[in-house]
C-alpha atoms as a PDB file:
ATOM      1  CA  MET A   1       0.064  -0.291   0.103  1.00  0.00           C
ATOM      2  CA  ALA A   2       2.992   2.707   0.458  1.00  0.00           C
ATOM      3  CA  ALA A   3       3.768   1.843  -3.221  1.00  0.00           C
ATOM      4  CA  SER A   4       0.802   3.342  -4.240  1.00  0.00           C
ATOM      5  CA  ARG A   5       0.605   6.242  -1.925  1.00  0.00           C
ATOM      6  CA  TYR A   6       4.432   6.980  -2.942  1.00  0.00           C
ATOM      7  CA  ARG A   7       3.405   6.780  -6.796  1.00  0.00           C
ATOM      8  CA  ARG A   8       0.447   9.061  -6.445  1.00  0.00           C
ATOM      9  CA  PHE A   9       2.675  11.449  -4.532  1.00  0.00           C
ATOM     10  CA  LEU A  10       5.116  11.422  -7.240  1.00  0.00           C
ATOM     11  CA  ARG A  11       2.510  11.478 -10.175  1.00  0.00           C
ATOM     12  CA  LEU A  12       1.196  14.922  -8.331  1.00  0.00           C
ATOM     13  CA  CYS A  13       4.613  16.391  -8.156  1.00  0.00           C
ATOM     14  CA  GLU A  14       5.195  15.725 -11.911  1.00  0.00           C
ATOM     15  CA  GLU A  15       1.924  17.598 -12.217  1.00  0.00           C
ATOM     16  CA  TRP A  16       2.261  20.330 -10.111  1.00  0.00           C
ATOM     17  CA  PRO A  17       4.125  23.253 -11.747  1.00  0.00           C
ATOM     18  CA  VAL A  18       7.019  24.702 -10.991  1.00  0.00           C
ATOM     19  CA  GLU A  19       7.250  28.807 -10.841  1.00  0.00           C
ATOM     20  CA  GLU A  20      10.358  30.062 -11.792  1.00  0.00           C
ATOM     21  CA  THR A  21       9.612  33.803 -10.596  1.00  0.00           C
ATOM     22  CA  LYS A  22       9.148  32.394  -6.791  1.00  0.00           C
ATOM     23  CA  ARG A  23      12.909  31.207  -6.536  1.00  0.00           C
ATOM     24  CA  GLN A  24      13.055  29.664  -2.745  1.00  0.00           C
ATOM     25  CA  ARG A  25       9.657  29.984  -2.129  1.00  0.00           C
ATOM     26  CA  ASP A  26       7.535  27.788  -4.970  1.00  0.00           C
ATOM     27  CA  LEU A  27       4.934  25.576  -3.228  1.00  0.00           C
ATOM     28  CA  GLY A  28       5.901  22.756  -5.842  1.00  0.00           C
ATOM     29  CA  ALA A  29       9.283  22.968  -4.743  1.00  0.00           C
ATOM     30  CA  ALA A  30       8.272  22.748  -1.151  1.00  0.00           C
ATOM     31  CA  LEU A  31       5.839  19.840  -1.811  1.00  0.00           C
ATOM     32  CA  ARG A  32       8.908  17.965  -3.845  1.00  0.00           C
ATOM     33  CA  GLN A  33      11.060  18.566  -1.126  1.00  0.00           C
ATOM     34  CA  ARG A  34       8.573  17.020   1.778  1.00  0.00           C
ATOM     35  CA  VAL A  35       7.815  14.004  -0.655  1.00  0.00           C
ATOM     36  CA  ALA A  36      11.675  13.300  -0.789  1.00  0.00           C
ATOM     37  CA  GLN A  37      11.657  13.689   3.277  1.00  0.00           C
ATOM     38  CA  ALA A  38       8.485  11.457   3.610  1.00  0.00           C
ATOM     39  CA  PHE A  39       9.658   8.799   1.128  1.00  0.00           C
ATOM     40  CA  ARG A  40      13.033   8.709   1.849  1.00  0.00           C
ATOM     41  CA  GLU A  41      12.955   4.772   0.852  1.00  0.00           C
ATOM     42  CA  GLY A  42      10.839   5.222  -2.029  1.00  0.00           C
ATOM     43  CA  GLU A  43       8.340   2.307  -2.439  1.00  0.00           C
ATOM     44  CA  ASN A  44       9.522   0.635   0.649  1.00  0.00           C
ATOM     45  CA  THR A  45       8.803   3.718   2.813  1.00  0.00           C
ATOM     46  CA  PRO A  46       6.687   2.591   6.092  1.00  0.00           C
ATOM     47  CA  ILE A  47       3.809   5.174   6.876  1.00  0.00           C
ATOM     48  CA  ALA A  48       3.162   5.255  10.305  1.00  0.00           C
ATOM     49  CA  ASP A  49      -0.229   6.826   9.670  1.00  0.00           C
ATOM     50  CA  PRO A  50      -1.891   6.044   6.211  1.00  0.00           C
ATOM     51  CA  GLU A  51      -5.171   7.898   7.268  1.00  0.00           C
ATOM     52  CA  ALA A  52      -3.233  11.219   7.760  1.00  0.00           C
ATOM     53  CA  CYS A  53      -1.040  10.307   4.545  1.00  0.00           C
ATOM     54  CA  ASP A  54      -3.759   9.895   2.419  1.00  0.00           C
ATOM     55  CA  GLN A  55      -5.919  13.010   3.703  1.00  0.00           C
ATOM     56  CA  MET A  56      -2.834  15.195   2.872  1.00  0.00           C
ATOM     57  CA  TYR A  57      -2.734  13.593  -0.642  1.00  0.00           C
ATOM     58  CA  GLU A  58      -6.365  14.513  -1.115  1.00  0.00           C
ATOM     59  CA  SER A  59      -5.955  18.057   0.301  1.00  0.00           C
ATOM     60  CA  LEU A  60      -3.000  18.907  -2.150  1.00  0.00           C
ATOM     61  CA  VAL A  61      -4.935  17.062  -4.958  1.00  0.00           C
ATOM     62  CA  ARG A  62      -7.524  19.974  -4.098  1.00  0.00           C
ATOM     63  CA  ILE A  63      -5.288  22.851  -4.127  1.00  0.00           C
ATOM     64  CA  HIS A  64      -3.708  21.505  -7.430  1.00  0.00           C
ATOM     65  CA  THR A  65      -7.141  21.246  -9.065  1.00  0.00           C
ATOM     66  CA  ASN A  66      -8.171  24.344  -8.091  1.00  0.00           C
ATOM     67  CA  TYR A  67     -10.932  22.509  -6.475  1.00  0.00           C
ATOM     68  CA  TYR A  68     -12.522  25.779  -4.396  1.00  0.00           C
ATOM     69  CA  LYS A  69     -12.013  28.347  -7.112  1.00  0.00           C
ATOM     70  CA  ASN A  70     -13.986  26.146  -9.300  1.00  0.00           C
ATOM     71  CA  LYS A  71     -16.428  25.142  -6.597  1.00  0.00           C
ATOM     72  CA  TYR A  72     -16.818  29.034  -5.284  1.00  0.00           C
ATOM     73  CA  PRO A  73     -16.489  31.134  -8.316  1.00  0.00           C
ATOM     74  CA  ARG A  74     -15.656  35.064  -7.950  1.00  0.00           C
ATOM     75  CA  LEU A  75     -17.591  37.546  -9.590  1.00  0.00           C
ATOM     76  CA  LYS A  76     -14.584  39.566 -10.306  1.00  0.00           C
ATOM     77  CA  ASP A  77     -10.962  39.016 -10.447  1.00  0.00           C
ATOM     78  CA  THR A  78      -9.648  41.502  -9.065  1.00  0.00           C
ATOM     79  CA  THR A  79      -9.136  42.306  -5.132  1.00  0.00           C
ATOM     80  CA  PHE A  80     -10.825  45.103  -3.091  1.00  0.00           C
ATOM     81  CA  THR A  81      -7.792  47.371  -4.101  1.00  0.00           C
ATOM     82  CA  GLY A  82      -8.460  46.749  -7.786  1.00  0.00           C
ATOM     83  CA  VAL A  83      -5.199  44.560  -8.060  1.00  0.00           C
ATOM     84  CA  THR A  84      -5.781  41.905 -10.787  1.00  0.00           C
ATOM     85  CA  VAL A  85      -4.301  38.619 -10.352  1.00  0.00           C
ATOM     86  CA  GLU A  86      -1.369  39.011 -12.781  1.00  0.00           C
ATOM     87  CA  ASP A  87      -0.507  42.483 -10.843  1.00  0.00           C
ATOM     88  CA  CYS A  88      -0.193  40.276  -8.014  1.00  0.00           C
ATOM     89  CA  ARG A  89       2.185  37.623  -9.323  1.00  0.00           C
ATOM     90  CA  MET A  90       4.497  40.447 -11.054  1.00  0.00           C
ATOM     91  CA  ILE A  91       4.396  42.068  -7.316  1.00  0.00           C
ATOM     92  CA  LEU A  92       5.236  38.674  -5.697  1.00  0.00           C
ATOM     93  CA  ALA A  93       7.917  37.646  -7.870  1.00  0.00           C
ATOM     94  CA  THR A  94      11.295  37.098  -6.179  1.00  0.00           C
ATOM     95  CA  ASP A  95      13.297  39.466  -8.420  1.00  0.00           C
ATOM     96  CA  ILE A  96      10.730  42.264  -7.669  1.00  0.00           C
ATOM     97  CA  LEU A  97      10.711  41.355  -3.801  1.00  0.00           C
ATOM     98  CA  LYS A  98      14.504  41.448  -3.877  1.00  0.00           C
ATOM     99  CA  GLN A  99      14.338  45.060  -5.612  1.00  0.00           C
ATOM    100  CA  MET A 100      12.107  46.664  -2.692  1.00  0.00           C
ATOM    101  CA  GLU A 101      14.648  44.871  -0.270  1.00  0.00           C
ATOM    102  CA  ASP A 102      17.404  46.544  -2.006  1.00  0.00           C
ATOM    103  CA  MET A 103      15.413  49.866  -2.117  1.00  0.00           C
ATOM    104  CA  LYS A 104      14.977  49.353   1.764  1.00  0.00           C
ATOM    105  CA  LYS A 105      18.407  48.686   2.278  1.00  0.00           C
ATOM    106  CA  GLY A 106      19.738  52.167   0.637  1.00  0.00           C
ATOM    107  CA  THR A 107      17.163  54.292   2.417  1.00  0.00           C
ATOM    108  CA  TRP A 108      18.184  52.621   5.770  1.00  0.00           C
ATOM    109  CA  ARG A 109      22.066  53.384   4.882  1.00  0.00           C
ATOM    110  CA  ARG A 110      21.456  56.699   3.940  1.00  0.00           C
ATOM    111  CA  LEU A 111      19.523  57.191   7.463  1.00  0.00           C
ATOM    112  CA  ARG A 112      22.506  55.869   9.271  1.00  0.00           C
ATOM    113  CA  GLU A 113      24.849  57.465   7.591  1.00  0.00           C
ATOM    114  CA  LYS A 114      23.008  60.883   8.168  1.00  0.00           C
ATOM    115  CA  PHE A 115      22.902  60.650  11.742  1.00  0.00           C
ATOM    116  CA  SER A 116      26.051  58.513  12.177  1.00  0.00           C
ATOM    117  CA  ALA A 117      29.677  59.873  13.142  1.00  0.00           C
ATOM    118  CA  LYS A 118      31.138  57.182  11.685  1.00  0.00           C
ATOM    119  CA  LYS A 119      31.739  56.634   7.735  1.00  0.00           C
ATOM    120  CA  PRO A 120      30.439  54.401   5.940  1.00  0.00           C
ATOM    121  CA  GLU A 121      33.775  52.303   4.845  1.00  0.00           C
ATOM    122  CA  GLU A 122      33.994  51.970   8.694  1.00  0.00           C
ATOM    123  CA  ASP A 123      30.743  50.201   8.640  1.00  0.00           C
ATOM    124  CA  SER A 124      31.537  47.340   6.083  1.00  0.00           C
ATOM    125  CA  LYS A 125      35.016  46.461   7.343  1.00  0.00           C
END
């Protein structure tokens, strides 16, 4: 029975898309990593709680197939702010978040230089 569970999880991992814009924050990559940890011995891995394993698989399938999105369709594809799904994806992309983090560092560094008696070269040493 563990072999069939393992194969089902592998099939789910193969079907789950990898989002390149969310490096190190992608649900598909995290799923692959967790499956590899949970089934270290492959098909021969003993499963302590088969019911919990099956429940986890079914929950992941519902997420993957957009079960609740289809069951409860939205009237509009925007949020209360008016931002579309594509805009949200762009904003949450790793590259954009990194740029925003760099902007924050720039502001912090400017403030620190303004109120600090030290020179910026001394901070980096």
